[in-house]
Amino acid sequence: MQSQQEEKNYNSSGFKEGINKLESRYQFCGHHLRITRDFTSNLGISAIIWEAGLVLCQYFEREKISFSGKKVIELGSGTGIVGILAVLLEKDHQPHQSCLTDSFSTLTTSFIGGDVTLTDQPNVLSQIQFNVANNIPVSVQQRTKVSALIWGENQNQFPTNYDFILGTDIVYSSRDFPALIKTLKHLSNENTVIYICSKMRESMGAMDFHEKLLPMDFNTEIVHRTADKEIVVFKGTKKSPGDVEKPQM
């Protein structure tokens, strides 16, 4: 069960004056996460822990989604909370005892979660790297990579054989939709499972993206929605070439 335990404000010198960072604590599947947002680098929306990210973490917990031994990439990682959890989730979600403390030095690599690449704009990477270092044991950090990925531009630098693609609140600007679709198509194959959790903001085109654009190239289904139906988890797979819909002229 997820819970926000506390928030802690501090700056780079450790003083509360001139707040530069805010730490929030969460618990999923027995893992205690300390997620820090950096307000010193003008990260804007990337310095927000979006509710959709927490909803997707809760979904993974409830459905006992396993990333053990899987190759995972997260788009628009922001603070990195979802990708970090994907690294930590073990088979059957049975965390090692050392995961329940602040010391991860004795954690073994057996049955640990996925090999995860967390991606975002170049200026966001230091925030992700900080949270990776604070939450993932040194002994398994080799399973984690933090990389710059600009949709529609450098996705060809990444492989096409991911088992999972994750994204939370990445559907918020219609001008970015073609680049996002292009990136999803490159990163996936017909065996790739895609989880996108979105707040269904009609004004930002989320409904058009999920109901019209994404289904042209991907088989999609709703696997979870919040009680108020504002946040939805979509699960998708890439269509085979013969099933891809032709755009209407």
C-alpha atoms as a PDB file:
ATOM      1  CA  MET A   1       0.000   0.000   0.000  1.00  0.00           C
ATOM      2  CA  GLN A   2       1.280   3.467  -0.878  1.00  0.00           C
ATOM      3  CA  SER A   3       1.515   6.181   1.710  1.00  0.00           C
ATOM      4  CA  GLN A   4       3.160   9.566   1.751  1.00  0.00           C
ATOM      5  CA  GLN A   5       4.977   9.551   5.072  1.00  0.00           C
ATOM      6  CA  GLU A   6       6.559  12.983   5.276  1.00  0.00           C
ATOM      7  CA  GLU A   7       8.037  15.861   3.353  1.00  0.00           C
ATOM      8  CA  LYS A   8      11.375  17.421   4.101  1.00  0.00           C
ATOM      9  CA  ASN A   9      12.596  20.762   2.795  1.00  0.00           C
ATOM     10  CA  TYR A  10      16.271  21.562   2.492  1.00  0.00           C
ATOM     11  CA  ASN A  11      18.807  23.370   0.392  1.00  0.00           C
ATOM     12  CA  SER A  12      22.207  22.288  -0.826  1.00  0.00           C
ATOM     13  CA  SER A  13      23.791  23.379   2.450  1.00  0.00           C
ATOM     14  CA  GLY A  14      21.283  21.521   4.593  1.00  0.00           C
ATOM     15  CA  PHE A  15      19.515  24.654   5.858  1.00  0.00           C
ATOM     16  CA  LYS A  16      15.777  25.157   5.586  1.00  0.00           C
ATOM     17  CA  GLU A  17      16.161  28.742   4.426  1.00  0.00           C
ATOM     18  CA  GLY A  18      16.195  29.160   0.667  1.00  0.00           C
ATOM     19  CA  ILE A  19      14.495  25.856  -0.064  1.00  0.00           C
ATOM     20  CA  ASN A  20      16.000  24.154  -3.119  1.00  0.00           C
ATOM     21  CA  LYS A  21      14.738  20.610  -2.716  1.00  0.00           C
ATOM     22  CA  LEU A  22      11.732  18.802  -1.347  1.00  0.00           C
ATOM     23  CA  GLU A  23      11.828  15.148  -0.302  1.00  0.00           C
ATOM     24  CA  SER A  24       8.655  13.056  -0.159  1.00  0.00           C
ATOM     25  CA  ARG A  25       8.462   9.508   1.165  1.00  0.00           C
ATOM     26  CA  TYR A  26       6.302   6.709  -0.172  1.00  0.00           C
ATOM     27  CA  GLN A  27       5.880   2.998   0.381  1.00  0.00           C
ATOM     28  CA  PHE A  28       5.023   0.470  -2.318  1.00  0.00           C
ATOM     29  CA  CYS A  29       5.286  -3.318  -2.036  1.00  0.00           C
ATOM     30  CA  GLY A  30       7.319  -2.971   1.145  1.00  0.00           C
ATOM     31  CA  HIS A  31       9.843  -0.630  -0.467  1.00  0.00           C
ATOM     32  CA  HIS A  32      10.365   2.759   1.156  1.00  0.00           C
ATOM     33  CA  LEU A  33      11.093   5.388  -1.493  1.00  0.00           C
ATOM     34  CA  ARG A  34      12.601   8.802  -0.791  1.00  0.00           C
ATOM     35  CA  ILE A  35      11.857  10.952  -3.829  1.00  0.00           C
ATOM     36  CA  THR A  36      13.514  14.352  -4.051  1.00  0.00           C
ATOM     37  CA  ARG A  37      12.392  17.162  -6.312  1.00  0.00           C
ATOM     38  CA  ASP A  38      15.012  19.664  -7.377  1.00  0.00           C
ATOM     39  CA  PHE A  39      13.835  23.263  -7.657  1.00  0.00           C
ATOM     40  CA  THR A  40      17.268  24.685  -8.468  1.00  0.00           C
ATOM     41  CA  SER A  41      17.372  23.862 -12.173  1.00  0.00           C
ATOM     42  CA  ASN A  42      14.115  25.282 -13.541  1.00  0.00           C
ATOM     43  CA  LEU A  43      12.770  21.799 -14.192  1.00  0.00           C
ATOM     44  CA  GLY A  44       9.159  22.982 -14.276  1.00  0.00           C
ATOM     45  CA  ILE A  45       6.708  20.094 -14.561  1.00  0.00           C
ATOM     46  CA  SER A  46       9.554  17.591 -14.271  1.00  0.00           C
ATOM     47  CA  ALA A  47       9.946  18.551 -10.600  1.00  0.00           C
ATOM     48  CA  ILE A  48       6.431  17.354  -9.785  1.00  0.00           C
ATOM     49  CA  ILE A  49       5.454  13.930  -8.480  1.00  0.00           C
ATOM     50  CA  TRP A  50       2.384  13.501 -10.647  1.00  0.00           C
ATOM     51  CA  GLU A  51      -0.621  11.670  -9.267  1.00  0.00           C
ATOM     52  CA  ALA A  52      -0.650   9.449 -12.353  1.00  0.00           C
ATOM     53  CA  GLY A  53       2.779   8.138 -11.366  1.00  0.00           C
ATOM     54  CA  LEU A  54       1.499   7.174  -7.921  1.00  0.00           C
ATOM     55  CA  VAL A  55      -1.559   5.527  -9.478  1.00  0.00           C
ATOM     56  CA  LEU A  56       0.648   3.403 -11.753  1.00  0.00           C
ATOM     57  CA  CYS A  57       2.819   2.385  -8.790  1.00  0.00           C
ATOM     58  CA  GLN A  58      -0.329   1.384  -6.902  1.00  0.00           C
ATOM     59  CA  TYR A  59      -1.484  -0.615  -9.927  1.00  0.00           C
ATOM     60  CA  PHE A  60       1.831  -2.509 -10.078  1.00  0.00           C
ATOM     61  CA  GLU A  61       1.493  -3.248  -6.371  1.00  0.00           C
ATOM     62  CA  ARG A  62      -2.095  -4.435  -6.517  1.00  0.00           C
ATOM     63  CA  GLU A  63      -1.688  -6.550  -9.652  1.00  0.00           C
ATOM     64  CA  LYS A  64       1.703  -7.919  -8.548  1.00  0.00           C
ATOM     65  CA  ILE A  65       3.284  -6.925 -11.859  1.00  0.00           C
ATOM     66  CA  SER A  66       6.738  -8.484 -12.107  1.00  0.00           C
ATOM     67  CA  PHE A  67       9.652  -6.941 -13.984  1.00  0.00           C
ATOM     68  CA  SER A  68      12.141  -9.581 -12.849  1.00  0.00           C
ATOM     69  CA  GLY A  69      14.675 -10.222 -15.590  1.00  0.00           C
ATOM     70  CA  LYS A  70      12.841  -7.908 -18.005  1.00  0.00           C
ATOM     71  CA  LYS A  71      14.192  -5.059 -20.094  1.00  0.00           C
ATOM     72  CA  VAL A  72      12.255  -1.873 -19.260  1.00  0.00           C
ATOM     73  CA  ILE A  73      12.337   1.729 -20.460  1.00  0.00           C
ATOM     74  CA  GLU A  74      10.468   4.633 -18.907  1.00  0.00           C
ATOM     75  CA  LEU A  75       9.603   7.733 -20.934  1.00  0.00           C
ATOM     76  CA  GLY A  76       9.436  11.138 -19.277  1.00  0.00           C
ATOM     77  CA  SER A  77      10.744   9.788 -15.972  1.00  0.00           C
ATOM     78  CA  GLY A  78      10.734  13.160 -14.185  1.00  0.00           C
ATOM     79  CA  THR A  79      11.558  12.273 -10.582  1.00  0.00           C
ATOM     80  CA  GLY A  80      12.068   8.624 -11.532  1.00  0.00           C
ATOM     81  CA  ILE A  81       9.620   7.157  -9.028  1.00  0.00           C
ATOM     82  CA  VAL A  82       7.999   4.667 -11.426  1.00  0.00           C
ATOM     83  CA  GLY A  83      11.236   3.468 -13.014  1.00  0.00           C
ATOM     84  CA  ILE A  84      12.893   3.127  -9.609  1.00  0.00           C
ATOM     85  CA  LEU A  85      10.050   0.933  -8.365  1.00  0.00           C
ATOM     86  CA  ALA A  86      10.376  -1.205 -11.505  1.00  0.00           C
ATOM     87  CA  VAL A  87      14.022  -1.840 -10.583  1.00  0.00           C
ATOM     88  CA  LEU A  88      13.095  -2.852  -7.041  1.00  0.00           C
ATOM     89  CA  LEU A  89      10.041  -5.021  -7.682  1.00  0.00           C
ATOM     90  CA  GLU A  90      11.005  -8.631  -7.155  1.00  0.00           C
ATOM     91  CA  LYS A  91       9.227 -11.743  -8.253  1.00  0.00           C
ATOM     92  CA  ASP A  92       6.088 -12.128  -6.117  1.00  0.00           C
ATOM     93  CA  HIS A  93       6.892  -8.723  -4.551  1.00  0.00           C
ATOM     94  CA  GLN A  94       8.759 -10.178  -1.610  1.00  0.00           C
ATOM     95  CA  PRO A  95      11.317  -7.494  -0.678  1.00  0.00           C
ATOM     96  CA  HIS A  96      14.544  -8.403   1.087  1.00  0.00           C
ATOM     97  CA  GLN A  97      14.670  -7.333   4.716  1.00  0.00           C
ATOM     98  CA  SER A  98      17.392  -4.803   3.939  1.00  0.00           C
ATOM     99  CA  CYS A  99      14.948  -2.955   1.669  1.00  0.00           C
ATOM    100  CA  LEU A 100      12.992  -1.974   4.753  1.00  0.00           C
ATOM    101  CA  THR A 101      15.837   0.115   6.130  1.00  0.00           C
ATOM    102  CA  ASP A 102      17.897   3.028   4.870  1.00  0.00           C
ATOM    103  CA  SER A 103      20.869   0.732   4.191  1.00  0.00           C
ATOM    104  CA  PHE A 104      20.847  -1.243   0.956  1.00  0.00           C
ATOM    105  CA  SER A 105      24.457  -2.425   0.997  1.00  0.00           C
ATOM    106  CA  THR A 106      23.700  -6.082   1.698  1.00  0.00           C
ATOM    107  CA  LEU A 107      20.914  -6.537  -0.859  1.00  0.00           C
ATOM    108  CA  THR A 108      21.610  -9.372  -3.290  1.00  0.00           C
ATOM    109  CA  THR A 109      20.750  -9.331  -6.976  1.00  0.00           C
ATOM    110  CA  SER A 110      18.671 -12.519  -6.956  1.00  0.00           C
ATOM    111  CA  PHE A 111      15.057 -12.077  -8.005  1.00  0.00           C
ATOM    112  CA  ILE A 112      15.400  -8.320  -8.096  1.00  0.00           C
ATOM    113  CA  GLY A 113      13.277  -6.411 -10.602  1.00  0.00           C
ATOM    114  CA  GLY A 114      13.966  -5.252 -14.122  1.00  0.00           C
ATOM    115  CA  ASP A 115      16.874  -3.788 -16.030  1.00  0.00           C
ATOM    116  CA  VAL A 116      15.463  -0.287 -16.362  1.00  0.00           C
ATOM    117  CA  THR A 117      16.422   2.704 -18.502  1.00  0.00           C
ATOM    118  CA  LEU A 118      14.951   5.951 -17.159  1.00  0.00           C
ATOM    119  CA  THR A 119      14.761   8.707 -19.759  1.00  0.00           C
ATOM    120  CA  ASP A 120      13.873  12.376 -19.975  1.00  0.00           C
ATOM    121  CA  GLN A 121      15.157  15.684 -21.297  1.00  0.00           C
ATOM    122  CA  PRO A 122      18.889  16.279 -20.648  1.00  0.00           C
ATOM    123  CA  ASN A 123      18.291  18.909 -17.935  1.00  0.00           C
ATOM    124  CA  VAL A 124      16.204  16.451 -15.880  1.00  0.00           C
ATOM    125  CA  LEU A 125      18.773  13.663 -15.689  1.00  0.00           C
ATOM    126  CA  SER A 126      20.591  14.915 -12.584  1.00  0.00           C
ATOM    127  CA  GLN A 127      17.329  14.812 -10.591  1.00  0.00           C
ATOM    128  CA  ILE A 128      16.693  11.222 -11.733  1.00  0.00           C
ATOM    129  CA  GLN A 129      20.276  10.198 -10.964  1.00  0.00           C
ATOM    130  CA  PHE A 130      19.990  11.685  -7.460  1.00  0.00           C
ATOM    131  CA  ASN A 131      16.862   9.649  -6.737  1.00  0.00           C
ATOM    132  CA  VAL A 132      18.343   6.484  -8.231  1.00  0.00           C
ATOM    133  CA  ALA A 133      21.368   6.830  -5.945  1.00  0.00           C
ATOM    134  CA  ASN A 134      19.112   7.410  -2.910  1.00  0.00           C
ATOM    135  CA  ASN A 135      16.751   4.517  -3.529  1.00  0.00           C
ATOM    136  CA  ILE A 136      18.469   1.731  -5.435  1.00  0.00           C
ATOM    137  CA  PRO A 137      21.094  -0.414  -3.695  1.00  0.00           C
ATOM    138  CA  VAL A 138      24.628   0.002  -4.981  1.00  0.00           C
ATOM    139  CA  SER A 139      24.758  -3.744  -5.565  1.00  0.00           C
ATOM    140  CA  VAL A 140      22.018  -3.553  -8.218  1.00  0.00           C
ATOM    141  CA  GLN A 141      22.535  -0.068  -9.636  1.00  0.00           C
ATOM    142  CA  GLN A 142      24.147  -1.679 -12.670  1.00  0.00           C
ATOM    143  CA  ARG A 143      20.613  -2.669 -13.650  1.00  0.00           C
ATOM    144  CA  THR A 144      19.727   1.001 -13.998  1.00  0.00           C
ATOM    145  CA  LYS A 145      20.600   3.457 -16.751  1.00  0.00           C
ATOM    146  CA  VAL A 146      19.646   7.146 -16.930  1.00  0.00           C
ATOM    147  CA  SER A 147      19.655   8.549 -20.465  1.00  0.00           C
ATOM    148  CA  ALA A 148      18.485  11.565 -22.423  1.00  0.00           C
ATOM    149  CA  LEU A 149      15.703  10.713 -24.862  1.00  0.00           C
ATOM    150  CA  ILE A 150      14.068  13.403 -26.961  1.00  0.00           C
ATOM    151  CA  TRP A 151      10.977  11.979 -28.595  1.00  0.00           C
ATOM    152  CA  GLY A 152      11.071  11.898 -32.359  1.00  0.00           C
ATOM    153  CA  GLU A 153      14.758  12.840 -32.476  1.00  0.00           C
ATOM    154  CA  ASN A 154      17.163  10.364 -30.914  1.00  0.00           C
ATOM    155  CA  GLN A 155      15.027   7.287 -30.253  1.00  0.00           C
ATOM    156  CA  ASN A 156      17.082   5.425 -32.885  1.00  0.00           C
ATOM    157  CA  GLN A 157      19.961   5.411 -30.405  1.00  0.00           C
ATOM    158  CA  PHE A 158      17.920   3.018 -28.255  1.00  0.00           C
ATOM    159  CA  PRO A 159      17.162  -0.666 -28.942  1.00  0.00           C
ATOM    160  CA  THR A 160      13.859  -2.078 -30.152  1.00  0.00           C
ATOM    161  CA  ASN A 161      13.586  -5.105 -27.886  1.00  0.00           C
ATOM    162  CA  TYR A 162      12.163  -3.759 -24.635  1.00  0.00           C
ATOM    163  CA  ASP A 163       9.826  -6.040 -22.701  1.00  0.00           C
ATOM    164  CA  PHE A 164       8.045  -3.085 -21.095  1.00  0.00           C
ATOM    165  CA  ILE A 165       7.607   0.605 -21.866  1.00  0.00           C
ATOM    166  CA  LEU A 166       6.300   2.792 -19.039  1.00  0.00           C
ATOM    167  CA  GLY A 167       4.970   6.339 -19.089  1.00  0.00           C
ATOM    168  CA  THR A 168       2.982   8.494 -16.664  1.00  0.00           C
ATOM    169  CA  ASP A 169       1.399  11.818 -17.540  1.00  0.00           C
ATOM    170  CA  ILE A 170       3.379  11.978 -20.776  1.00  0.00           C
ATOM    171  CA  VAL A 171       0.241  12.787 -22.790  1.00  0.00           C
ATOM    172  CA  TYR A 172      -0.199  16.502 -22.203  1.00  0.00           C
ATOM    173  CA  SER A 173       0.745  18.354 -25.401  1.00  0.00           C
ATOM    174  CA  SER A 174      -0.835  17.555 -28.761  1.00  0.00           C
ATOM    175  CA  ARG A 175       2.152  19.005 -30.606  1.00  0.00           C
ATOM    176  CA  ASP A 176       4.297  16.230 -29.093  1.00  0.00           C
ATOM    177  CA  PHE A 177       1.940  13.376 -29.993  1.00  0.00           C
ATOM    178  CA  PRO A 178       3.502  12.501 -33.398  1.00  0.00           C
ATOM    179  CA  ALA A 179       6.981  12.393 -31.847  1.00  0.00           C
ATOM    180  CA  LEU A 180       5.727  10.267 -28.945  1.00  0.00           C
ATOM    181  CA  ILE A 181       4.030   7.800 -31.297  1.00  0.00           C
ATOM    182  CA  LYS A 182       7.175   7.621 -33.427  1.00  0.00           C
ATOM    183  CA  THR A 183       9.254   6.887 -30.329  1.00  0.00           C
ATOM    184  CA  LEU A 184       6.860   4.225 -29.046  1.00  0.00           C
ATOM    185  CA  LYS A 185       6.883   2.511 -32.436  1.00  0.00           C
ATOM    186  CA  HIS A 186      10.672   2.415 -32.536  1.00  0.00           C
ATOM    187  CA  LEU A 187      11.164   1.150 -28.983  1.00  0.00           C
ATOM    188  CA  SER A 188       8.575  -1.628 -29.182  1.00  0.00           C
ATOM    189  CA  ASN A 189       7.991  -4.900 -30.942  1.00  0.00           C
ATOM    190  CA  GLU A 190       4.898  -7.078 -30.956  1.00  0.00           C
ATOM    191  CA  ASN A 191       5.902  -8.666 -27.632  1.00  0.00           C
ATOM    192  CA  THR A 192       6.441  -5.366 -25.801  1.00  0.00           C
ATOM    193  CA  VAL A 193       3.900  -4.460 -23.123  1.00  0.00           C
ATOM    194  CA  ILE A 194       3.230  -0.735 -22.783  1.00  0.00           C
ATOM    195  CA  TYR A 195       1.737   0.848 -19.669  1.00  0.00           C
ATOM    196  CA  ILE A 196       0.729   4.499 -19.961  1.00  0.00           C
ATOM    197  CA  CYS A 197      -1.079   6.156 -17.067  1.00  0.00           C
ATOM    198  CA  SER A 198      -2.737   9.439 -17.995  1.00  0.00           C
ATOM    199  CA  LYS A 199      -4.895  12.065 -16.414  1.00  0.00           C
ATOM    200  CA  MET A 200      -7.619  12.437 -19.012  1.00  0.00           C
ATOM    201  CA  ARG A 201      -7.368  16.157 -19.630  1.00  0.00           C
ATOM    202  CA  GLU A 202      -9.630  16.771 -22.613  1.00  0.00           C
ATOM    203  CA  SER A 203      -8.201  20.258 -23.097  1.00  0.00           C
ATOM    204  CA  MET A 204      -4.715  18.782 -23.623  1.00  0.00           C
ATOM    205  CA  GLY A 205      -5.838  16.120 -26.071  1.00  0.00           C
ATOM    206  CA  ALA A 206      -5.429  13.062 -23.852  1.00  0.00           C
ATOM    207  CA  MET A 207      -8.700  11.543 -25.019  1.00  0.00           C
ATOM    208  CA  ASP A 208      -7.823  11.991 -28.695  1.00  0.00           C
ATOM    209  CA  PHE A 209      -4.397  10.462 -28.133  1.00  0.00           C
ATOM    210  CA  HIS A 210      -5.670   7.358 -26.345  1.00  0.00           C
ATOM    211  CA  GLU A 211      -8.888   6.874 -28.273  1.00  0.00           C
ATOM    212  CA  LYS A 212      -7.830   7.845 -31.814  1.00  0.00           C
ATOM    213  CA  LEU A 213      -4.086   8.176 -32.349  1.00  0.00           C
ATOM    214  CA  LEU A 214      -2.577   5.370 -30.269  1.00  0.00           C
ATOM    215  CA  PRO A 215      -5.039   2.680 -31.499  1.00  0.00           C
ATOM    216  CA  MET A 216      -3.889   3.247 -35.087  1.00  0.00           C
ATOM    217  CA  ASP A 217      -0.609   1.445 -34.334  1.00  0.00           C
ATOM    218  CA  PHE A 218      -1.224  -0.283 -31.000  1.00  0.00           C
ATOM    219  CA  ASN A 219      -3.794  -2.599 -29.450  1.00  0.00           C
ATOM    220  CA  THR A 220      -4.888  -0.857 -26.265  1.00  0.00           C
ATOM    221  CA  GLU A 221      -7.181  -1.553 -23.335  1.00  0.00           C
ATOM    222  CA  ILE A 222      -8.074   0.166 -20.085  1.00  0.00           C
ATOM    223  CA  VAL A 223      -6.872  -1.961 -17.182  1.00  0.00           C
ATOM    224  CA  HIS A 224      -7.525   0.466 -14.331  1.00  0.00           C
ATOM    225  CA  ARG A 225      -9.118   3.808 -13.620  1.00  0.00           C
ATOM    226  CA  THR A 226      -9.471   5.834 -10.440  1.00  0.00           C
ATOM    227  CA  ALA A 227     -12.853   6.158  -8.770  1.00  0.00           C
ATOM    228  CA  ASP A 228     -13.373   9.607 -10.261  1.00  0.00           C
ATOM    229  CA  LYS A 229     -12.308   8.228 -13.668  1.00  0.00           C
ATOM    230  CA  GLU A 230      -9.871  11.103 -14.132  1.00  0.00           C
ATOM    231  CA  ILE A 231      -6.734   8.932 -14.185  1.00  0.00           C
ATOM    232  CA  VAL A 232      -6.601   5.862 -16.406  1.00  0.00           C
ATOM    233  CA  VAL A 233      -4.031   3.088 -16.862  1.00  0.00           C
ATOM    234  CA  PHE A 234      -3.801   1.890 -20.460  1.00  0.00           C
ATOM    235  CA  LYS A 235      -2.092  -1.345 -21.468  1.00  0.00           C
ATOM    236  CA  GLY A 236      -0.975  -1.703 -25.047  1.00  0.00           C
ATOM    237  CA  THR A 237       0.926  -3.844 -27.522  1.00  0.00           C
ATOM    238  CA  LYS A 238       2.193  -3.016 -30.983  1.00  0.00           C
ATOM    239  CA  LYS A 239       0.041  -4.136 -33.898  1.00  0.00           C
ATOM    240  CA  SER A 240       1.477  -6.419 -36.545  1.00  0.00           C
ATOM    241  CA  PRO A 241       2.128  -4.638 -39.876  1.00  0.00           C
ATOM    242  CA  GLY A 242      -1.005  -6.077 -41.462  1.00  0.00           C
ATOM    243  CA  ASP A 243      -3.215  -4.778 -38.657  1.00  0.00           C
ATOM    244  CA  VAL A 244      -1.992  -1.185 -38.643  1.00  0.00           C
ATOM    245  CA  GLU A 245      -4.790   1.223 -39.518  1.00  0.00           C
ATOM    246  CA  LYS A 246      -4.358   3.448 -42.535  1.00  0.00           C
ATOM    247  CA  PRO A 247      -4.920   7.169 -41.857  1.00  0.00           C
ATOM    248  CA  GLN A 248      -8.141   8.436 -43.360  1.00  0.00           C
ATOM    249  CA  MET A 249      -7.740  10.771 -46.333  1.00  0.00           C
END
